[in-house]
Amino acid sequence: MNNKNLLEVYNFDEKIRLGDNHDGGYVICEMKGTYDCYITCGISNEASFDRDFLNKYTYLNKSNSFGYDGTIVEYPSYYTDGIG
């Protein structure tokens, strides 16, 4: 099997930055359409990207947004309460 076929690169002209201007902020493509759910991992104590993403896509909420991190006891809800 050719491993080059496992990764497909997409080019997007429309990009946005979400999250704070340090660790926790990311540049993503501005996609048209909707997401089925939101999953975040490796949260630690910084969830500004989650906050901004859920504020932008307001149809995502606790019923379809999930956070996982084995190093924390609970999600840092002072960023957003939209993670289930």
PDB file of N, CA and C in Angstrom:
ATOM      1  N   MET A   1       0.838  -1.191   0.000  1.00  0.00           N
ATOM      2  CA  MET A   1       0.000   0.000   0.000  1.00  0.00           C
ATOM      3  C   MET A   1       0.880   1.251   0.000  1.00  0.00           C
ATOM      4  N   ASN A   2       0.516   2.210  -0.780  1.00  0.00           N
ATOM      5  CA  ASN A   2       1.244   3.461  -0.875  1.00  0.00           C
ATOM      6  C   ASN A   2       0.744   4.417   0.214  1.00  0.00           C
ATOM      7  N   ASN A   3       1.597   4.753   1.183  1.00  0.00           N
ATOM      8  CA  ASN A   3       1.199   5.615   2.295  1.00  0.00           C
ATOM      9  C   ASN A   3       0.862   7.030   1.866  1.00  0.00           C
ATOM     10  N   LYS A   4       1.297   7.455   0.696  1.00  0.00           N
ATOM     11  CA  LYS A   4       0.965   8.795   0.213  1.00  0.00           C
ATOM     12  C   LYS A   4      -0.530   8.948  -0.010  1.00  0.00           C
ATOM     13  N   ASN A   5      -1.237   7.862  -0.195  1.00  0.00           N
ATOM     14  CA  ASN A   5      -2.679   7.915  -0.422  1.00  0.00           C
ATOM     15  C   ASN A   5      -3.465   8.065   0.872  1.00  0.00           C
ATOM     16  N   LEU A   6      -2.816   7.966   2.028  1.00  0.00           N
ATOM     17  CA  LEU A   6      -3.508   8.051   3.302  1.00  0.00           C
ATOM     18  C   LEU A   6      -3.796   9.494   3.727  1.00  0.00           C
ATOM     19  N   LEU A   7      -3.093  10.434   3.182  1.00  0.00           N
ATOM     20  CA  LEU A   7      -3.257  11.834   3.558  1.00  0.00           C
ATOM     21  C   LEU A   7      -3.606  12.646   2.328  1.00  0.00           C
ATOM     22  N   GLU A   8      -4.704  13.336   2.410  1.00  0.00           N
ATOM     23  CA  GLU A   8      -5.105  14.202   1.309  1.00  0.00           C
ATOM     24  C   GLU A   8      -5.035  15.643   1.788  1.00  0.00           C
ATOM     25  N   VAL A   9      -4.384  16.490   1.059  1.00  0.00           N
ATOM     26  CA  VAL A   9      -4.206  17.887   1.427  1.00  0.00           C
ATOM     27  C   VAL A   9      -5.243  18.726   0.681  1.00  0.00           C
ATOM     28  N   TYR A  10      -5.894  19.609   1.431  1.00  0.00           N
ATOM     29  CA  TYR A  10      -6.866  20.516   0.856  1.00  0.00           C
ATOM     30  C   TYR A  10      -6.333  21.936   0.994  1.00  0.00           C
ATOM     31  N   ASN A  11      -6.588  22.756   0.019  1.00  0.00           N
ATOM     32  CA  ASN A  11      -6.216  24.166   0.085  1.00  0.00           C
ATOM     33  C   ASN A  11      -7.480  25.005   0.233  1.00  0.00           C
ATOM     34  N   PHE A  12      -7.456  25.912   1.201  1.00  0.00           N
ATOM     35  CA  PHE A  12      -8.581  26.796   1.450  1.00  0.00           C
ATOM     36  C   PHE A  12      -8.086  28.232   1.457  1.00  0.00           C
ATOM     37  N   ASP A  13      -8.756  29.095   0.739  1.00  0.00           N
ATOM     38  CA  ASP A  13      -8.402  30.507   0.740  1.00  0.00           C
ATOM     39  C   ASP A  13      -8.945  31.215   1.968  1.00  0.00           C
ATOM     40  N   GLU A  14     -10.106  30.768   2.444  1.00  0.00           N
ATOM     41  CA  GLU A  14     -10.750  31.422   3.578  1.00  0.00           C
ATOM     42  C   GLU A  14     -10.346  30.712   4.866  1.00  0.00           C
ATOM     43  N   LYS A  15      -9.556  31.404   5.684  1.00  0.00           N
ATOM     44  CA  LYS A  15      -9.092  30.844   6.948  1.00  0.00           C
ATOM     45  C   LYS A  15      -9.442  31.812   8.070  1.00  0.00           C
ATOM     46  N   ILE A  16      -9.659  31.261   9.250  1.00  0.00           N
ATOM     47  CA  ILE A  16      -9.934  32.079  10.431  1.00  0.00           C
ATOM     48  C   ILE A  16      -9.101  31.550  11.591  1.00  0.00           C
ATOM     49  N   ARG A  17      -8.812  32.426  12.537  1.00  0.00           N
ATOM     50  CA  ARG A  17      -8.133  32.013  13.758  1.00  0.00           C
ATOM     51  C   ARG A  17      -9.134  32.071  14.891  1.00  0.00           C
ATOM     52  N   LEU A  18      -9.184  30.998  15.646  1.00  0.00           N
ATOM     53  CA  LEU A  18     -10.049  30.920  16.810  1.00  0.00           C
ATOM     54  C   LEU A  18      -9.188  30.616  18.027  1.00  0.00           C
ATOM     55  N   GLY A  19      -9.592  31.119  19.170  1.00  0.00           N
ATOM     56  CA  GLY A  19      -8.824  30.912  20.394  1.00  0.00           C
ATOM     57  C   GLY A  19      -7.921  32.089  20.682  1.00  0.00           C
ATOM     58  N   ASP A  20      -7.336  32.065  21.872  1.00  0.00           N
ATOM     59  CA  ASP A  20      -6.454  33.147  22.294  1.00  0.00           C
ATOM     60  C   ASP A  20      -5.172  33.151  21.472  1.00  0.00           C
ATOM     61  N   ASN A  21      -4.427  34.246  21.538  1.00  0.00           N
ATOM     62  CA  ASN A  21      -3.213  34.425  20.748  1.00  0.00           C
ATOM     63  C   ASN A  21      -1.986  33.786  21.389  1.00  0.00           C
ATOM     64  N   HIS A  22      -2.130  32.626  21.927  1.00  0.00           N
ATOM     65  CA  HIS A  22      -1.016  31.829  22.449  1.00  0.00           C
ATOM     66  C   HIS A  22      -1.458  30.383  22.378  1.00  0.00           C
ATOM     67  N   ASP A  23      -0.838  29.501  23.124  1.00  0.00           N
ATOM     68  CA  ASP A  23      -1.220  28.090  23.072  1.00  0.00           C
ATOM     69  C   ASP A  23      -2.720  27.966  23.325  1.00  0.00           C
ATOM     70  N   GLY A  24      -3.403  27.280  22.464  1.00  0.00           N
ATOM     71  CA  GLY A  24      -4.850  27.152  22.573  1.00  0.00           C
ATOM     72  C   GLY A  24      -5.574  27.788  21.406  1.00  0.00           C
ATOM     73  N   GLY A  25      -4.904  28.595  20.624  1.00  0.00           N
ATOM     74  CA  GLY A  25      -5.500  29.196  19.441  1.00  0.00           C
ATOM     75  C   GLY A  25      -5.035  28.478  18.190  1.00  0.00           C
ATOM     76  N   TYR A  26      -5.920  28.363  17.208  1.00  0.00           N
ATOM     77  CA  TYR A  26      -5.600  27.624  15.989  1.00  0.00           C
ATOM     78  C   TYR A  26      -6.189  28.321  14.772  1.00  0.00           C
ATOM     79  N   VAL A  27      -5.549  28.139  13.623  1.00  0.00           N
ATOM     80  CA  VAL A  27      -6.067  28.616  12.344  1.00  0.00           C
ATOM     81  C   VAL A  27      -6.752  27.441  11.667  1.00  0.00           C
ATOM     82  N   ILE A  28      -7.990  27.663  11.240  1.00  0.00           N
ATOM     83  CA  ILE A  28      -8.752  26.611  10.562  1.00  0.00           C
ATOM     84  C   ILE A  28      -9.362  27.195   9.289  1.00  0.00           C
ATOM     85  N   CYS A  29      -9.843  26.319   8.430  1.00  0.00           N
ATOM     86  CA  CYS A  29     -10.528  26.792   7.228  1.00  0.00           C
ATOM     87  C   CYS A  29     -11.948  27.202   7.599  1.00  0.00           C
ATOM     88  N   GLU A  30     -12.447  28.182   6.894  1.00  0.00           N
ATOM     89  CA  GLU A  30     -13.832  28.624   7.080  1.00  0.00           C
ATOM     90  C   GLU A  30     -14.673  27.813   6.107  1.00  0.00           C
ATOM     91  N   MET A  31     -15.242  26.733   6.603  1.00  0.00           N
ATOM     92  CA  MET A  31     -16.005  25.820   5.745  1.00  0.00           C
ATOM     93  C   MET A  31     -17.449  26.277   5.608  1.00  0.00           C
ATOM     94  N   LYS A  32     -18.002  25.978   4.474  1.00  0.00           N
ATOM     95  CA  LYS A  32     -19.431  26.198   4.258  1.00  0.00           C
ATOM     96  C   LYS A  32     -20.153  24.942   4.740  1.00  0.00           C
ATOM     97  N   GLY A  33     -21.350  25.091   5.203  1.00  0.00           N
ATOM     98  CA  GLY A  33     -22.108  23.939   5.674  1.00  0.00           C
ATOM     99  C   GLY A  33     -22.098  23.832   7.188  1.00  0.00           C
ATOM    100  N   THR A  34     -22.458  22.658   7.691  1.00  0.00           N
ATOM    101  CA  THR A  34     -22.580  22.461   9.130  1.00  0.00           C
ATOM    102  C   THR A  34     -21.757  21.263   9.586  1.00  0.00           C
ATOM    103  N   TYR A  35     -21.481  21.228  10.875  1.00  0.00           N
ATOM    104  CA  TYR A  35     -20.789  20.116  11.512  1.00  0.00           C
ATOM    105  C   TYR A  35     -21.812  19.231  12.212  1.00  0.00           C
ATOM    106  N   ASP A  36     -21.540  17.925  12.255  1.00  0.00           N
ATOM    107  CA  ASP A  36     -22.415  16.992  12.981  1.00  0.00           C
ATOM    108  C   ASP A  36     -22.180  17.070  14.483  1.00  0.00           C
ATOM    109  N   CYS A  37     -20.925  17.254  14.866  1.00  0.00           N
ATOM    110  CA  CYS A  37     -20.580  17.317  16.280  1.00  0.00           C
ATOM    111  C   CYS A  37     -19.239  18.014  16.438  1.00  0.00           C
ATOM    112  N   TYR A  38     -18.869  18.258  17.692  1.00  0.00           N
ATOM    113  CA  TYR A  38     -17.582  18.861  18.009  1.00  0.00           C
ATOM    114  C   TYR A  38     -16.925  17.991  19.072  1.00  0.00           C
ATOM    115  N   ILE A  39     -15.676  17.571  18.833  1.00  0.00           N
ATOM    116  CA  ILE A  39     -14.928  16.754  19.777  1.00  0.00           C
ATOM    117  C   ILE A  39     -13.594  17.449  20.035  1.00  0.00           C
ATOM    118  N   THR A  40     -13.261  17.655  21.298  1.00  0.00           N
ATOM    119  CA  THR A  40     -11.995  18.264  21.661  1.00  0.00           C
ATOM    120  C   THR A  40     -11.251  17.334  22.612  1.00  0.00           C
ATOM    121  N   CYS A  41      -9.957  17.230  22.429  1.00  0.00           N
ATOM    122  CA  CYS A  41      -9.117  16.358  23.259  1.00  0.00           C
ATOM    123  C   CYS A  41      -7.877  17.113  23.708  1.00  0.00           C
ATOM    124  N   GLY A  42      -7.298  16.707  24.821  1.00  0.00           N
ATOM    125  CA  GLY A  42      -6.100  17.370  25.314  1.00  0.00           C
ATOM    126  C   GLY A  42      -6.381  18.764  25.826  1.00  0.00           C
ATOM    127  N   ILE A  43      -7.407  18.923  26.585  1.00  0.00           N
ATOM    128  CA  ILE A  43      -7.916  20.230  27.009  1.00  0.00           C
ATOM    129  C   ILE A  43      -6.991  20.924  28.010  1.00  0.00           C
ATOM    130  N   SER A  44      -6.543  20.218  29.012  1.00  0.00           N
ATOM    131  CA  SER A  44      -5.760  20.770  30.110  1.00  0.00           C
ATOM    132  C   SER A  44      -6.559  21.907  30.752  1.00  0.00           C
ATOM    133  N   ASN A  45      -5.975  23.093  30.857  1.00  0.00           N
ATOM    134  CA  ASN A  45      -6.705  24.223  31.461  1.00  0.00           C
ATOM    135  C   ASN A  45      -6.941  25.350  30.465  1.00  0.00           C
ATOM    136  N   GLU A  46      -6.819  25.073  29.154  1.00  0.00           N
ATOM    137  CA  GLU A  46      -6.952  26.099  28.113  1.00  0.00           C
ATOM    138  C   GLU A  46      -7.977  25.649  27.088  1.00  0.00           C
ATOM    139  N   ALA A  47      -9.086  26.354  27.009  1.00  0.00           N
ATOM    140  CA  ALA A  47     -10.151  25.955  26.098  1.00  0.00           C
ATOM    141  C   ALA A  47     -10.710  27.144  25.330  1.00  0.00           C
ATOM    142  N   SER A  48      -9.852  28.109  24.999  1.00  0.00           N
ATOM    143  CA  SER A  48     -10.324  29.290  24.273  1.00  0.00           C
ATOM    144  C   SER A  48     -10.755  28.947  22.848  1.00  0.00           C
ATOM    145  N   PHE A  49     -10.105  27.962  22.213  1.00  0.00           N
ATOM    146  CA  PHE A  49     -10.532  27.537  20.882  1.00  0.00           C
ATOM    147  C   PHE A  49     -11.937  26.956  20.961  1.00  0.00           C
ATOM    148  N   ASP A  50     -12.194  26.111  21.957  1.00  0.00           N
ATOM    149  CA  ASP A  50     -13.541  25.547  22.146  1.00  0.00           C
ATOM    150  C   ASP A  50     -14.570  26.649  22.273  1.00  0.00           C
ATOM    151  N   ARG A  51     -14.272  27.628  23.117  1.00  0.00           N
ATOM    152  CA  ARG A  51     -15.178  28.762  23.342  1.00  0.00           C
ATOM    153  C   ARG A  51     -15.503  29.466  22.030  1.00  0.00           C
ATOM    154  N   ASP A  52     -14.471  29.823  21.268  1.00  0.00           N
ATOM    155  CA  ASP A  52     -14.686  30.567  20.034  1.00  0.00           C
ATOM    156  C   ASP A  52     -15.387  29.725  18.969  1.00  0.00           C
ATOM    157  N   PHE A  53     -15.031  28.434  18.880  1.00  0.00           N
ATOM    158  CA  PHE A  53     -15.660  27.551  17.905  1.00  0.00           C
ATOM    159  C   PHE A  53     -17.147  27.398  18.199  1.00  0.00           C
ATOM    160  N   LEU A  54     -17.489  27.174  19.468  1.00  0.00           N
ATOM    161  CA  LEU A  54     -18.899  26.998  19.836  1.00  0.00           C
ATOM    162  C   LEU A  54     -19.673  28.310  19.744  1.00  0.00           C
ATOM    163  N   ASN A  55     -19.023  29.442  19.952  1.00  0.00           N
ATOM    164  CA  ASN A  55     -19.694  30.736  19.752  1.00  0.00           C
ATOM    165  C   ASN A  55     -19.965  30.994  18.274  1.00  0.00           C
ATOM    166  N   LYS A  56     -19.087  30.516  17.398  1.00  0.00           N
ATOM    167  CA  LYS A  56     -19.267  30.700  15.960  1.00  0.00           C
ATOM    168  C   LYS A  56     -20.342  29.765  15.412  1.00  0.00           C
ATOM    169  N   TYR A  57     -20.318  28.522  15.830  1.00  0.00           N
ATOM    170  CA  TYR A  57     -21.279  27.515  15.353  1.00  0.00           C
ATOM    171  C   TYR A  57     -22.266  27.230  16.474  1.00  0.00           C
ATOM    172  N   THR A  58     -23.214  28.134  16.645  1.00  0.00           N
ATOM    173  CA  THR A  58     -24.098  28.119  17.809  1.00  0.00           C
ATOM    174  C   THR A  58     -25.054  26.924  17.854  1.00  0.00           C
ATOM    175  N   TYR A  59     -25.211  26.199  16.771  1.00  0.00           N
ATOM    176  CA  TYR A  59     -26.068  25.013  16.782  1.00  0.00           C
ATOM    177  C   TYR A  59     -25.376  23.832  17.478  1.00  0.00           C
ATOM    178  N   LEU A  60     -24.082  23.943  17.745  1.00  0.00           N
ATOM    179  CA  LEU A  60     -23.371  22.924  18.518  1.00  0.00           C
ATOM    180  C   LEU A  60     -23.547  23.251  19.994  1.00  0.00           C
ATOM    181  N   ASN A  61     -23.866  22.233  20.790  1.00  0.00           N
ATOM    182  CA  ASN A  61     -24.132  22.445  22.208  1.00  0.00           C
ATOM    183  C   ASN A  61     -23.784  21.184  22.992  1.00  0.00           C
ATOM    184  N   LYS A  62     -24.223  21.097  24.246  1.00  0.00           N
ATOM    185  CA  LYS A  62     -23.869  19.954  25.097  1.00  0.00           C
ATOM    186  C   LYS A  62     -24.347  18.619  24.532  1.00  0.00           C
ATOM    187  N   SER A  63     -25.361  18.628  23.704  1.00  0.00           N
ATOM    188  CA  SER A  63     -25.863  17.361  23.162  1.00  0.00           C
ATOM    189  C   SER A  63     -24.989  16.810  22.036  1.00  0.00           C
ATOM    190  N   ASN A  64     -24.147  17.656  21.415  1.00  0.00           N
ATOM    191  CA  ASN A  64     -23.311  17.172  20.313  1.00  0.00           C
ATOM    192  C   ASN A  64     -21.875  17.711  20.376  1.00  0.00           C
ATOM    193  N   SER A  65     -21.426  18.119  21.578  1.00  0.00           N
ATOM    194  CA  SER A  65     -20.063  18.604  21.781  1.00  0.00           C
ATOM    195  C   SER A  65     -19.452  17.878  22.978  1.00  0.00           C
ATOM    196  N   PHE A  66     -18.271  17.303  22.770  1.00  0.00           N
ATOM    197  CA  PHE A  66     -17.683  16.430  23.789  1.00  0.00           C
ATOM    198  C   PHE A  66     -16.212  16.759  23.996  1.00  0.00           C
ATOM    199  N   GLY A  67     -15.768  16.734  25.250  1.00  0.00           N
ATOM    200  CA  GLY A  67     -14.381  16.993  25.582  1.00  0.00           C
ATOM    201  C   GLY A  67     -13.779  15.821  26.329  1.00  0.00           C
ATOM    202  N   TYR A  68     -12.535  15.480  25.982  1.00  0.00           N
ATOM    203  CA  TYR A  68     -11.843  14.358  26.605  1.00  0.00           C
ATOM    204  C   TYR A  68     -10.425  14.774  26.973  1.00  0.00           C
ATOM    205  N   ASP A  69     -10.032  14.478  28.200  1.00  0.00           N
ATOM    206  CA  ASP A  69      -8.663  14.679  28.643  1.00  0.00           C
ATOM    207  C   ASP A  69      -8.488  13.903  29.939  1.00  0.00           C
ATOM    208  N   GLY A  70      -7.660  12.890  29.923  1.00  0.00           N
ATOM    209  CA  GLY A  70      -7.447  12.046  31.088  1.00  0.00           C
ATOM    210  C   GLY A  70      -6.646  12.702  32.192  1.00  0.00           C
ATOM    211  N   THR A  71      -6.140  13.906  31.962  1.00  0.00           N
ATOM    212  CA  THR A  71      -5.318  14.573  32.974  1.00  0.00           C
ATOM    213  C   THR A  71      -6.093  15.589  33.799  1.00  0.00           C
ATOM    214  N   ILE A  72      -7.377  15.790  33.517  1.00  0.00           N
ATOM    215  CA  ILE A  72      -8.157  16.773  34.279  1.00  0.00           C
ATOM    216  C   ILE A  72      -9.367  16.087  34.899  1.00  0.00           C
ATOM    217  N   VAL A  73      -9.855  16.664  35.995  1.00  0.00           N
ATOM    218  CA  VAL A  73     -11.024  16.116  36.689  1.00  0.00           C
ATOM    219  C   VAL A  73     -12.307  16.595  36.035  1.00  0.00           C
ATOM    220  N   GLU A  74     -12.338  17.861  35.653  1.00  0.00           N
ATOM    221  CA  GLU A  74     -13.519  18.402  34.981  1.00  0.00           C
ATOM    222  C   GLU A  74     -13.114  19.440  33.948  1.00  0.00           C
ATOM    223  N   TYR A  75     -13.988  19.657  32.996  1.00  0.00           N
ATOM    224  CA  TYR A  75     -13.755  20.608  31.918  1.00  0.00           C
ATOM    225  C   TYR A  75     -13.681  22.022  32.494  1.00  0.00           C
ATOM    226  N   PRO A  76     -12.744  22.869  32.040  1.00  0.00           N
ATOM    227  CA  PRO A  76     -12.654  24.250  32.543  1.00  0.00           C
ATOM    228  C   PRO A  76     -13.812  25.100  32.017  1.00  0.00           C
ATOM    229  N   SER A  77     -14.952  25.001  32.676  1.00  0.00           N
ATOM    230  CA  SER A  77     -16.205  25.584  32.170  1.00  0.00           C
ATOM    231  C   SER A  77     -16.209  27.111  32.172  1.00  0.00           C
ATOM    232  N   TYR A  78     -15.206  27.775  32.731  1.00  0.00           N
ATOM    233  CA  TYR A  78     -15.173  29.235  32.657  1.00  0.00           C
ATOM    234  C   TYR A  78     -14.919  29.711  31.227  1.00  0.00           C
ATOM    235  N   TYR A  79     -14.479  28.817  30.335  1.00  0.00           N
ATOM    236  CA  TYR A  79     -14.356  29.165  28.905  1.00  0.00           C
ATOM    237  C   TYR A  79     -15.705  29.044  28.215  1.00  0.00           C
ATOM    238  N   THR A  80     -16.382  27.945  28.412  1.00  0.00           N
ATOM    239  CA  THR A  80     -17.697  27.714  27.813  1.00  0.00           C
ATOM    240  C   THR A  80     -18.411  26.621  28.589  1.00  0.00           C
ATOM    241  N   ASP A  81     -19.715  26.693  28.619  1.00  0.00           N
ATOM    242  CA  ASP A  81     -20.479  25.620  29.252  1.00  0.00           C
ATOM    243  C   ASP A  81     -21.147  24.741  28.181  1.00  0.00           C
ATOM    244  N   GLY A  82     -20.664  24.846  26.938  1.00  0.00           N
ATOM    245  CA  GLY A  82     -21.269  24.114  25.824  1.00  0.00           C
ATOM    246  C   GLY A  82     -20.704  22.737  25.581  1.00  0.00           C
ATOM    247  N   ILE A  83     -19.764  22.276  26.410  1.00  0.00           N
ATOM    248  CA  ILE A  83     -19.157  20.955  26.233  1.00  0.00           C
ATOM    249  C   ILE A  83     -19.846  19.964  27.156  1.00  0.00           C
ATOM    250  N   GLY A  84     -20.269  18.833  26.599  1.00  0.00           N
ATOM    251  CA  GLY A  84     -20.948  17.803  27.404  1.00  0.00           C
ATOM    252  C   GLY A  84     -20.002  16.807  28.004  1.00  0.00           C
TER     253      GLY A  84
END
